[in-house]
Amino acid sequence: MAISLVWVQRTRSATFDKGKWTAVHSYLVRDSTDQDLTIANIVDTTVTNPITPYLSFGGGTESVAAPFFRFISYTITPVQDGLGKLWVVDFNFDSTVGDATAGPVAADVKTATEVGYTSIEVQTSVQTVDIWRTGATVPTSSNISLPSLIDIAGTKVDSAGEPISMLLPIQNISVRNVKYGRPDYATILAAAGSRNVSAFTLGATGQTFVCAASSLLFVGANTSRIGPNQYEINYQFSYDPTTYHLRQQPLRDIDQRASTTRVTPGSAISAANPERANVVYWKQPFPNEVDFAVLGIVNT
């Protein structure tokens, strides 16, 4: 005969201690026709009235508090003298709360090795790059991957074709995920060295960090096995919202010398008549663009 479970709540309690919430609830469970039960029957989600609703604190009776508690474990014990027909199931939950409050608030409480764990680290620094012009206009998004071969204008600052150095602000971003299943190494490899084809958002709702299309470069990923069928993936990015990873390059002759000119050609070089690079282009060393959704990154 098909199993139909009957759940009778024994106890329900929540504890706030040292800045952390925990909760438990306990149920007596039996079959509606008093058939013998096994642990397999109780955890079977296909039976009538399965265990599923009771994995939420209160089993449907705590509509306000339940979303702020997460199920972590249960213990299934036969009742003494219950003849295999009556069992006790104790469910355990935990959560966290905001500072200076005794009310539950939503929080991410996953540990660093738990599946679903995500961390985002950002390192801000400057990168030294060569420039021949200041104030040059960066191409529009449609031309960032393959900039037009036209002079970038701006103010000439080189010396006889030799560039000066500029400190370019960048951010190195690391997104760490813990997942079930072996990573898709081929997809990671294919995306390495590519920029984001569309805006990519990091962070949780209300605390988002949006990287505009073409500004985020996928540098690569480190992967490691940390448990049975459990893997850690550390995705690495370089964020450049200023030049979108473009670099300035002067027009060069066959000997690789920058093509130069003076304000007044034919006149002697002077402070008022300096030798400067004649034409400077934008070049994109990372022309490929990818939808980072293919990487399956959990970034919140």
C-alpha atoms as a PDB file:
ATOM      1  CA  MET A   1       0.000   0.000   0.000  1.00  0.00           C
ATOM      2  CA  ALA A   2       1.265   3.503  -0.801  1.00  0.00           C
ATOM      3  CA  ILE A   3       2.780   5.465   2.031  1.00  0.00           C
ATOM      4  CA  SER A   4       0.954   8.593   3.234  1.00  0.00           C
ATOM      5  CA  LEU A   5       2.806  10.372   6.029  1.00  0.00           C
ATOM      6  CA  VAL A   6       1.187  12.179   8.930  1.00  0.00           C
ATOM      7  CA  TRP A   7       3.266  14.901  10.623  1.00  0.00           C
ATOM      8  CA  VAL A   8       2.432  16.080  14.151  1.00  0.00           C
ATOM      9  CA  GLN A   9       4.531  18.906  15.561  1.00  0.00           C
ATOM     10  CA  ARG A  10       6.078  18.211  18.959  1.00  0.00           C
ATOM     11  CA  THR A  11       8.124  21.368  19.555  1.00  0.00           C
ATOM     12  CA  ARG A  12       9.266  24.549  17.809  1.00  0.00           C
ATOM     13  CA  SER A  13      11.774  27.065  19.172  1.00  0.00           C
ATOM     14  CA  ALA A  14      14.206  29.779  18.095  1.00  0.00           C
ATOM     15  CA  THR A  15      17.233  31.020  20.033  1.00  0.00           C
ATOM     16  CA  PHE A  16      19.116  34.309  19.752  1.00  0.00           C
ATOM     17  CA  ASP A  17      22.536  34.023  21.370  1.00  0.00           C
ATOM     18  CA  LYS A  18      25.725  36.052  20.925  1.00  0.00           C
ATOM     19  CA  GLY A  19      24.497  37.757  17.776  1.00  0.00           C
ATOM     20  CA  LYS A  20      23.306  34.590  16.025  1.00  0.00           C
ATOM     21  CA  TRP A  21      19.927  32.919  15.505  1.00  0.00           C
ATOM     22  CA  THR A  22      19.384  29.174  15.611  1.00  0.00           C
ATOM     23  CA  ALA A  23      16.107  27.254  15.506  1.00  0.00           C
ATOM     24  CA  VAL A  24      14.726  23.744  15.828  1.00  0.00           C
ATOM     25  CA  HIS A  25      11.426  22.063  15.263  1.00  0.00           C
ATOM     26  CA  SER A  26      10.467  18.474  15.924  1.00  0.00           C
ATOM     27  CA  TYR A  27       7.724  16.254  14.506  1.00  0.00           C
ATOM     28  CA  LEU A  28       6.209  12.876  15.189  1.00  0.00           C
ATOM     29  CA  VAL A  29       5.662  11.061  11.917  1.00  0.00           C
ATOM     30  CA  ARG A  30       3.646   7.949  11.064  1.00  0.00           C
ATOM     31  CA  ASP A  31       1.812   6.439   8.130  1.00  0.00           C
ATOM     32  CA  SER A  32      -1.901   7.298   7.864  1.00  0.00           C
ATOM     33  CA  THR A  33      -2.736   3.567   7.900  1.00  0.00           C
ATOM     34  CA  ASP A  34      -0.109   2.718  10.530  1.00  0.00           C
ATOM     35  CA  GLN A  35       2.127   0.774   8.196  1.00  0.00           C
ATOM     36  CA  ASP A  36       5.682   0.137   9.300  1.00  0.00           C
ATOM     37  CA  LEU A  37       8.022   2.924   8.213  1.00  0.00           C
ATOM     38  CA  THR A  38      11.685   3.089   7.386  1.00  0.00           C
ATOM     39  CA  ILE A  39      14.032   6.059   7.171  1.00  0.00           C
ATOM     40  CA  ALA A  40      13.856   5.686   3.395  1.00  0.00           C
ATOM     41  CA  ASN A  41      10.071   6.175   3.548  1.00  0.00           C
ATOM     42  CA  ILE A  42      10.405   9.318   5.657  1.00  0.00           C
ATOM     43  CA  VAL A  43      12.941  11.046   3.376  1.00  0.00           C
ATOM     44  CA  ASP A  44      11.210   9.937   0.161  1.00  0.00           C
ATOM     45  CA  THR A  45       9.929  13.115  -1.502  1.00  0.00           C
ATOM     46  CA  THR A  46       7.522  11.163  -3.743  1.00  0.00           C
ATOM     47  CA  VAL A  47       5.255   9.861  -0.959  1.00  0.00           C
ATOM     48  CA  THR A  48       2.030  11.587   0.011  1.00  0.00           C
ATOM     49  CA  ASN A  49       2.721  14.421   2.489  1.00  0.00           C
ATOM     50  CA  PRO A  50       6.533  14.232   2.143  1.00  0.00           C
ATOM     51  CA  ILE A  51       9.258  15.778   4.293  1.00  0.00           C
ATOM     52  CA  THR A  52       9.784  18.723   1.934  1.00  0.00           C
ATOM     53  CA  PRO A  53       7.650  21.430   3.673  1.00  0.00           C
ATOM     54  CA  TYR A  54       9.358  20.748   7.003  1.00  0.00           C
ATOM     55  CA  LEU A  55      12.754  21.700   5.620  1.00  0.00           C
ATOM     56  CA  SER A  56      11.456  25.250   6.100  1.00  0.00           C
ATOM     57  CA  PHE A  57      11.313  26.460   9.709  1.00  0.00           C
ATOM     58  CA  GLY A  58       7.811  26.078  11.119  1.00  0.00           C
ATOM     59  CA  GLY A  59       6.666  23.771   8.341  1.00  0.00           C
ATOM     60  CA  GLY A  60       4.503  26.523   6.878  1.00  0.00           C
ATOM     61  CA  THR A  61       3.411  28.134  10.166  1.00  0.00           C
ATOM     62  CA  GLU A  62       6.229  30.724  10.400  1.00  0.00           C
ATOM     63  CA  SER A  63       5.640  32.762   7.248  1.00  0.00           C
ATOM     64  CA  VAL A  64       7.573  35.804   8.540  1.00  0.00           C
ATOM     65  CA  ALA A  65      10.545  34.146  10.229  1.00  0.00           C
ATOM     66  CA  ALA A  66      10.996  31.131   7.923  1.00  0.00           C
ATOM     67  CA  PRO A  67      12.752  33.003   5.063  1.00  0.00           C
ATOM     68  CA  PHE A  68      15.521  34.042   7.446  1.00  0.00           C
ATOM     69  CA  PHE A  69      16.404  30.547   8.627  1.00  0.00           C
ATOM     70  CA  ARG A  70      18.152  27.937   6.556  1.00  0.00           C
ATOM     71  CA  PHE A  71      17.863  24.204   7.052  1.00  0.00           C
ATOM     72  CA  ILE A  72      21.157  22.549   8.011  1.00  0.00           C
ATOM     73  CA  SER A  73      20.343  19.033   9.272  1.00  0.00           C
ATOM     74  CA  TYR A  74      17.768  16.594  10.600  1.00  0.00           C
ATOM     75  CA  THR A  75      17.867  13.544  12.880  1.00  0.00           C
ATOM     76  CA  ILE A  76      15.414  10.658  12.432  1.00  0.00           C
ATOM     77  CA  THR A  77      14.846   8.427  15.455  1.00  0.00           C
ATOM     78  CA  PRO A  78      12.338   5.587  16.036  1.00  0.00           C
ATOM     79  CA  VAL A  79      10.089   6.040  19.062  1.00  0.00           C
ATOM     80  CA  GLN A  80      10.815   3.431  21.709  1.00  0.00           C
ATOM     81  CA  ASP A  81       8.061   0.801  21.694  1.00  0.00           C
ATOM     82  CA  GLY A  82       6.698   2.416  18.537  1.00  0.00           C
ATOM     83  CA  LEU A  83       7.146  -0.916  16.735  1.00  0.00           C
ATOM     84  CA  GLY A  84       8.647   0.783  13.691  1.00  0.00           C
ATOM     85  CA  LYS A  85       5.448   2.712  13.064  1.00  0.00           C
ATOM     86  CA  LEU A  86       6.201   5.954  14.940  1.00  0.00           C
ATOM     87  CA  TRP A  87       9.276   8.120  14.451  1.00  0.00           C
ATOM     88  CA  VAL A  88      10.637  11.471  15.641  1.00  0.00           C
ATOM     89  CA  VAL A  89      12.269  13.860  13.165  1.00  0.00           C
ATOM     90  CA  ASP A  90      14.256  16.781  14.629  1.00  0.00           C
ATOM     91  CA  PHE A  91      15.145  19.598  12.189  1.00  0.00           C
ATOM     92  CA  ASN A  92      17.922  22.133  12.812  1.00  0.00           C
ATOM     93  CA  PHE A  93      18.227  25.618  11.302  1.00  0.00           C
ATOM     94  CA  ASP A  94      20.583  28.560  11.570  1.00  0.00           C
ATOM     95  CA  SER A  95      20.779  32.157  10.394  1.00  0.00           C
ATOM     96  CA  THR A  96      22.442  35.462  11.266  1.00  0.00           C
ATOM     97  CA  VAL A  97      21.207  38.896  12.309  1.00  0.00           C
ATOM     98  CA  GLY A  98      22.290  42.465  11.762  1.00  0.00           C
ATOM     99  CA  ASP A  99      24.186  44.380  14.407  1.00  0.00           C
ATOM    100  CA  ALA A 100      22.237  45.668  17.423  1.00  0.00           C
ATOM    101  CA  THR A 101      18.991  43.901  16.610  1.00  0.00           C
ATOM    102  CA  ALA A 102      17.197  40.863  17.932  1.00  0.00           C
ATOM    103  CA  GLY A 103      15.063  40.430  14.820  1.00  0.00           C
ATOM    104  CA  PRO A 104      16.088  38.104  12.001  1.00  0.00           C
ATOM    105  CA  VAL A 105      17.385  39.681   8.798  1.00  0.00           C
ATOM    106  CA  ALA A 106      18.393  38.063   5.536  1.00  0.00           C
ATOM    107  CA  ALA A 107      22.079  37.146   5.352  1.00  0.00           C
ATOM    108  CA  ASP A 108      24.455  34.897   3.486  1.00  0.00           C
ATOM    109  CA  VAL A 109      25.800  32.481   6.070  1.00  0.00           C
ATOM    110  CA  LYS A 110      27.474  29.884   3.870  1.00  0.00           C
ATOM    111  CA  THR A 111      30.931  28.795   4.991  1.00  0.00           C
ATOM    112  CA  ALA A 112      33.996  29.137   2.757  1.00  0.00           C
ATOM    113  CA  THR A 113      33.950  25.462   1.714  1.00  0.00           C
ATOM    114  CA  GLU A 114      30.175  25.063   1.359  1.00  0.00           C
ATOM    115  CA  VAL A 115      28.585  24.605  -2.056  1.00  0.00           C
ATOM    116  CA  GLY A 116      27.021  27.904  -3.095  1.00  0.00           C
ATOM    117  CA  TYR A 117      29.615  29.992  -1.272  1.00  0.00           C
ATOM    118  CA  THR A 118      30.674  33.106  -3.184  1.00  0.00           C
ATOM    119  CA  SER A 119      33.235  35.764  -2.357  1.00  0.00           C
ATOM    120  CA  ILE A 120      34.233  38.827  -4.364  1.00  0.00           C
ATOM    121  CA  GLU A 121      37.576  40.534  -3.779  1.00  0.00           C
ATOM    122  CA  VAL A 122      38.677  43.752  -5.471  1.00  0.00           C
ATOM    123  CA  GLN A 123      42.221  45.132  -5.563  1.00  0.00           C
ATOM    124  CA  THR A 124      42.577  48.707  -6.817  1.00  0.00           C
ATOM    125  CA  SER A 125      45.934  49.783  -8.241  1.00  0.00           C
ATOM    126  CA  VAL A 126      47.542  51.689 -11.100  1.00  0.00           C
ATOM    127  CA  GLN A 127      49.203  50.310 -14.206  1.00  0.00           C
ATOM    128  CA  THR A 128      51.978  52.108 -16.065  1.00  0.00           C
ATOM    129  CA  VAL A 129      51.156  52.489 -19.771  1.00  0.00           C
ATOM    130  CA  ASP A 130      52.805  54.346 -22.633  1.00  0.00           C
ATOM    131  CA  ILE A 131      50.928  57.259 -24.176  1.00  0.00           C
ATOM    132  CA  TRP A 132      51.606  59.667 -27.023  1.00  0.00           C
ATOM    133  CA  ARG A 133      48.451  61.760 -26.489  1.00  0.00           C
ATOM    134  CA  THR A 134      46.418  62.998 -23.547  1.00  0.00           C
ATOM    135  CA  GLY A 135      42.728  63.842 -23.741  1.00  0.00           C
ATOM    136  CA  ALA A 136      42.174  61.445 -26.645  1.00  0.00           C
ATOM    137  CA  THR A 137      38.597  60.237 -27.090  1.00  0.00           C
ATOM    138  CA  VAL A 138      38.052  56.523 -26.507  1.00  0.00           C
ATOM    139  CA  PRO A 139      36.104  54.865 -29.361  1.00  0.00           C
ATOM    140  CA  THR A 140      32.428  54.059 -28.969  1.00  0.00           C
ATOM    141  CA  SER A 141      31.505  50.550 -27.838  1.00  0.00           C
ATOM    142  CA  SER A 142      30.951  49.332 -31.396  1.00  0.00           C
ATOM    143  CA  ASN A 143      34.562  50.212 -32.294  1.00  0.00           C
ATOM    144  CA  ILE A 144      36.411  49.143 -29.146  1.00  0.00           C
ATOM    145  CA  SER A 145      37.263  45.665 -30.434  1.00  0.00           C
ATOM    146  CA  LEU A 146      38.554  46.959 -33.787  1.00  0.00           C
ATOM    147  CA  PRO A 147      39.215  50.700 -33.577  1.00  0.00           C
ATOM    148  CA  SER A 148      39.250  52.672 -36.808  1.00  0.00           C
ATOM    149  CA  LEU A 149      42.704  53.522 -38.173  1.00  0.00           C
ATOM    150  CA  ILE A 150      42.308  57.251 -37.716  1.00  0.00           C
ATOM    151  CA  ASP A 151      44.287  59.635 -35.566  1.00  0.00           C
ATOM    152  CA  ILE A 152      42.982  59.755 -31.990  1.00  0.00           C
ATOM    153  CA  ALA A 153      43.554  63.525 -31.682  1.00  0.00           C
ATOM    154  CA  GLY A 154      44.103  64.883 -28.183  1.00  0.00           C
ATOM    155  CA  THR A 155      47.211  66.743 -26.967  1.00  0.00           C
ATOM    156  CA  LYS A 156      50.602  65.562 -28.227  1.00  0.00           C
ATOM    157  CA  VAL A 157      52.897  64.777 -25.277  1.00  0.00           C
ATOM    158  CA  ASP A 158      55.573  62.489 -26.738  1.00  0.00           C
ATOM    159  CA  SER A 159      59.158  63.546 -27.379  1.00  0.00           C
ATOM    160  CA  ALA A 160      60.273  62.906 -30.981  1.00  0.00           C
ATOM    161  CA  GLY A 161      58.055  59.820 -31.098  1.00  0.00           C
ATOM    162  CA  GLU A 162      59.060  58.507 -27.654  1.00  0.00           C
ATOM    163  CA  PRO A 163      56.046  58.079 -25.341  1.00  0.00           C
ATOM    164  CA  ILE A 164      55.641  59.229 -21.788  1.00  0.00           C
ATOM    165  CA  SER A 165      54.202  57.018 -19.027  1.00  0.00           C
ATOM    166  CA  MET A 166      50.734  57.369 -17.553  1.00  0.00           C
ATOM    167  CA  LEU A 167      49.356  55.755 -14.397  1.00  0.00           C
ATOM    168  CA  LEU A 168      46.120  54.048 -15.443  1.00  0.00           C
ATOM    169  CA  PRO A 169      43.708  53.153 -12.586  1.00  0.00           C
ATOM    170  CA  ILE A 170      42.569  49.518 -12.792  1.00  0.00           C
ATOM    171  CA  GLN A 171      40.893  47.000 -10.530  1.00  0.00           C
ATOM    172  CA  ASN A 172      41.789  43.320 -10.299  1.00  0.00           C
ATOM    173  CA  ILE A 173      38.650  41.395  -9.390  1.00  0.00           C
ATOM    174  CA  SER A 174      38.497  37.858  -8.024  1.00  0.00           C
ATOM    175  CA  VAL A 175      35.210  35.930  -7.863  1.00  0.00           C
ATOM    176  CA  ARG A 176      35.418  32.681  -5.881  1.00  0.00           C
ATOM    177  CA  ASN A 177      32.693  30.024  -6.264  1.00  0.00           C
ATOM    178  CA  VAL A 178      32.248  26.641  -4.597  1.00  0.00           C
ATOM    179  CA  LYS A 179      30.231  24.278  -6.785  1.00  0.00           C
ATOM    180  CA  TYR A 180      29.158  20.692  -7.282  1.00  0.00           C
ATOM    181  CA  GLY A 181      30.602  19.009 -10.341  1.00  0.00           C
ATOM    182  CA  ARG A 182      33.774  19.272 -12.363  1.00  0.00           C
ATOM    183  CA  PRO A 183      34.373  22.726 -13.894  1.00  0.00           C
ATOM    184  CA  ASP A 184      33.949  23.196 -17.638  1.00  0.00           C
ATOM    185  CA  TYR A 185      37.644  23.610 -18.416  1.00  0.00           C
ATOM    186  CA  ALA A 186      37.141  23.996 -22.160  1.00  0.00           C
ATOM    187  CA  THR A 187      34.716  26.905 -21.722  1.00  0.00           C
ATOM    188  CA  ILE A 188      37.048  28.620 -19.251  1.00  0.00           C
ATOM    189  CA  LEU A 189      39.958  28.278 -21.674  1.00  0.00           C
ATOM    190  CA  ALA A 190      37.933  29.571 -24.631  1.00  0.00           C
ATOM    191  CA  ALA A 191      36.879  32.673 -22.681  1.00  0.00           C
ATOM    192  CA  ALA A 192      40.317  33.543 -21.294  1.00  0.00           C
ATOM    193  CA  GLY A 193      41.665  36.795 -22.700  1.00  0.00           C
ATOM    194  CA  SER A 194      38.195  38.023 -23.703  1.00  0.00           C
ATOM    195  CA  ARG A 195      36.212  41.068 -22.636  1.00  0.00           C
ATOM    196  CA  ASN A 196      32.562  41.206 -21.582  1.00  0.00           C
ATOM    197  CA  VAL A 197      30.236  41.659 -24.552  1.00  0.00           C
ATOM    198  CA  SER A 198      27.564  43.196 -22.309  1.00  0.00           C
ATOM    199  CA  ALA A 199      27.423  44.817 -18.886  1.00  0.00           C
ATOM    200  CA  PHE A 200      28.393  42.414 -16.115  1.00  0.00           C
ATOM    201  CA  THR A 201      27.079  42.930 -12.573  1.00  0.00           C
ATOM    202  CA  LEU A 202      28.894  41.912  -9.410  1.00  0.00           C
ATOM    203  CA  GLY A 203      27.450  41.932  -5.898  1.00  0.00           C
ATOM    204  CA  ALA A 204      24.082  41.469  -4.242  1.00  0.00           C
ATOM    205  CA  THR A 205      20.898  43.409  -4.933  1.00  0.00           C
ATOM    206  CA  GLY A 206      21.250  46.951  -3.638  1.00  0.00           C
ATOM    207  CA  GLN A 207      25.036  46.665  -3.459  1.00  0.00           C
ATOM    208  CA  THR A 208      25.851  46.041  -7.087  1.00  0.00           C
ATOM    209  CA  PHE A 209      29.006  46.888  -8.993  1.00  0.00           C
ATOM    210  CA  VAL A 210      28.242  47.152 -12.710  1.00  0.00           C
ATOM    211  CA  CYS A 211      31.079  46.755 -15.212  1.00  0.00           C
ATOM    212  CA  ALA A 212      30.185  48.347 -18.543  1.00  0.00           C
ATOM    213  CA  ALA A 213      30.437  46.300 -21.737  1.00  0.00           C
ATOM    214  CA  SER A 214      34.039  45.816 -22.919  1.00  0.00           C
ATOM    215  CA  SER A 215      35.559  47.096 -19.651  1.00  0.00           C
ATOM    216  CA  LEU A 216      36.060  43.720 -17.936  1.00  0.00           C
ATOM    217  CA  LEU A 217      38.803  41.361 -19.140  1.00  0.00           C
ATOM    218  CA  PHE A 218      38.631  37.683 -18.125  1.00  0.00           C
ATOM    219  CA  VAL A 219      42.211  36.803 -17.211  1.00  0.00           C
ATOM    220  CA  GLY A 220      41.574  33.143 -16.314  1.00  0.00           C
ATOM    221  CA  ALA A 221      40.576  30.888 -13.420  1.00  0.00           C
ATOM    222  CA  ASN A 222      42.155  28.633 -10.817  1.00  0.00           C
ATOM    223  CA  THR A 223      40.253  25.441 -10.029  1.00  0.00           C
ATOM    224  CA  SER A 224      40.743  22.803  -7.346  1.00  0.00           C
ATOM    225  CA  ARG A 225      38.867  19.845  -5.890  1.00  0.00           C
ATOM    226  CA  ILE A 226      38.022  20.439  -2.222  1.00  0.00           C
ATOM    227  CA  GLY A 227      35.664  17.526  -1.534  1.00  0.00           C
ATOM    228  CA  PRO A 228      33.725  14.668  -3.126  1.00  0.00           C
ATOM    229  CA  ASN A 229      32.505  16.095  -6.451  1.00  0.00           C
ATOM    230  CA  GLN A 230      33.014  19.540  -4.926  1.00  0.00           C
ATOM    231  CA  TYR A 231      35.193  22.181  -6.595  1.00  0.00           C
ATOM    232  CA  GLU A 232      36.458  25.668  -5.913  1.00  0.00           C
ATOM    233  CA  ILE A 233      36.768  28.015  -8.896  1.00  0.00           C
ATOM    234  CA  ASN A 234      38.521  31.364  -8.588  1.00  0.00           C
ATOM    235  CA  TYR A 235      37.729  33.582 -11.580  1.00  0.00           C
ATOM    236  CA  GLN A 236      40.154  36.460 -12.237  1.00  0.00           C
ATOM    237  CA  PHE A 237      39.302  39.717 -14.033  1.00  0.00           C
ATOM    238  CA  SER A 238      40.953  43.015 -14.876  1.00  0.00           C
ATOM    239  CA  TYR A 239      38.623  46.032 -14.905  1.00  0.00           C
ATOM    240  CA  ASP A 240      39.543  49.111 -16.956  1.00  0.00           C
ATOM    241  CA  PRO A 241      36.667  51.605 -17.214  1.00  0.00           C
ATOM    242  CA  THR A 242      38.955  54.350 -18.532  1.00  0.00           C
ATOM    243  CA  THR A 243      40.420  53.022 -21.797  1.00  0.00           C
ATOM    244  CA  TYR A 244      38.592  49.651 -22.058  1.00  0.00           C
ATOM    245  CA  HIS A 245      42.015  47.937 -22.358  1.00  0.00           C
ATOM    246  CA  LEU A 246      42.894  49.939 -25.485  1.00  0.00           C
ATOM    247  CA  ARG A 247      46.493  51.054 -26.015  1.00  0.00           C
ATOM    248  CA  GLN A 248      47.927  53.933 -28.023  1.00  0.00           C
ATOM    249  CA  GLN A 249      50.293  53.125 -30.882  1.00  0.00           C
ATOM    250  CA  PRO A 250      51.957  55.619 -33.286  1.00  0.00           C
ATOM    251  CA  LEU A 251      52.176  55.183 -37.026  1.00  0.00           C
ATOM    252  CA  ARG A 252      55.602  53.634 -37.657  1.00  0.00           C
ATOM    253  CA  ASP A 253      57.893  53.397 -40.669  1.00  0.00           C
ATOM    254  CA  ILE A 254      59.513  50.253 -42.040  1.00  0.00           C
ATOM    255  CA  ASP A 255      62.250  50.516 -39.402  1.00  0.00           C
ATOM    256  CA  GLN A 256      59.658  50.641 -36.616  1.00  0.00           C
ATOM    257  CA  ARG A 257      60.375  54.290 -35.879  1.00  0.00           C
ATOM    258  CA  ALA A 258      57.403  56.480 -35.032  1.00  0.00           C
ATOM    259  CA  SER A 259      56.452  58.803 -37.866  1.00  0.00           C
ATOM    260  CA  THR A 260      57.047  62.337 -36.559  1.00  0.00           C
ATOM    261  CA  THR A 261      56.548  65.914 -37.639  1.00  0.00           C
ATOM    262  CA  ARG A 262      56.985  69.435 -36.295  1.00  0.00           C
ATOM    263  CA  VAL A 263      54.581  72.311 -35.860  1.00  0.00           C
ATOM    264  CA  THR A 264      56.564  74.107 -38.562  1.00  0.00           C
ATOM    265  CA  PRO A 265      58.183  71.478 -40.792  1.00  0.00           C
ATOM    266  CA  GLY A 266      61.652  72.438 -42.017  1.00  0.00           C
ATOM    267  CA  SER A 267      62.304  74.785 -39.089  1.00  0.00           C
ATOM    268  CA  ALA A 268      64.689  73.875 -36.263  1.00  0.00           C
ATOM    269  CA  ILE A 269      63.432  71.947 -33.284  1.00  0.00           C
ATOM    270  CA  SER A 270      62.649  74.205 -30.334  1.00  0.00           C
ATOM    271  CA  ALA A 271      60.286  74.458 -27.383  1.00  0.00           C
ATOM    272  CA  ALA A 272      57.815  76.155 -29.694  1.00  0.00           C
ATOM    273  CA  ASN A 273      58.498  73.747 -32.566  1.00  0.00           C
ATOM    274  CA  PRO A 274      58.820  70.268 -30.982  1.00  0.00           C
ATOM    275  CA  GLU A 275      59.115  66.966 -32.837  1.00  0.00           C
ATOM    276  CA  ARG A 276      56.022  64.850 -32.116  1.00  0.00           C
ATOM    277  CA  ALA A 277      54.436  61.648 -33.353  1.00  0.00           C
ATOM    278  CA  ASN A 278      52.448  62.522 -36.455  1.00  0.00           C
ATOM    279  CA  VAL A 279      49.628  59.981 -36.240  1.00  0.00           C
ATOM    280  CA  VAL A 280      48.553  57.856 -33.228  1.00  0.00           C
ATOM    281  CA  TYR A 281      45.988  55.069 -33.307  1.00  0.00           C
ATOM    282  CA  TRP A 282      44.042  53.132 -30.688  1.00  0.00           C
ATOM    283  CA  LYS A 283      44.848  49.399 -30.701  1.00  0.00           C
ATOM    284  CA  GLN A 284      42.946  46.652 -28.887  1.00  0.00           C
ATOM    285  CA  PRO A 285      45.185  43.767 -27.728  1.00  0.00           C
ATOM    286  CA  PHE A 286      42.111  41.812 -26.537  1.00  0.00           C
ATOM    287  CA  PRO A 287      39.630  41.981 -29.438  1.00  0.00           C
ATOM    288  CA  ASN A 288      37.492  38.963 -28.473  1.00  0.00           C
ATOM    289  CA  GLU A 289      34.260  39.504 -26.554  1.00  0.00           C
ATOM    290  CA  VAL A 290      32.282  36.842 -24.685  1.00  0.00           C
ATOM    291  CA  ASP A 291      29.013  36.667 -22.777  1.00  0.00           C
ATOM    292  CA  PHE A 292      30.359  35.774 -19.336  1.00  0.00           C
ATOM    293  CA  ALA A 293      27.104  33.935 -18.605  1.00  0.00           C
ATOM    294  CA  VAL A 294      28.656  30.909 -20.359  1.00  0.00           C
ATOM    295  CA  LEU A 295      31.099  30.589 -17.456  1.00  0.00           C
ATOM    296  CA  GLY A 296      28.275  29.936 -15.009  1.00  0.00           C
ATOM    297  CA  ILE A 297      29.699  32.389 -12.502  1.00  0.00           C
ATOM    298  CA  VAL A 298      27.718  32.986  -9.314  1.00  0.00           C
ATOM    299  CA  ASN A 299      28.685  36.589  -8.635  1.00  0.00           C
ATOM    300  CA  THR A 300      26.381  37.670  -5.806  1.00  0.00           C
END
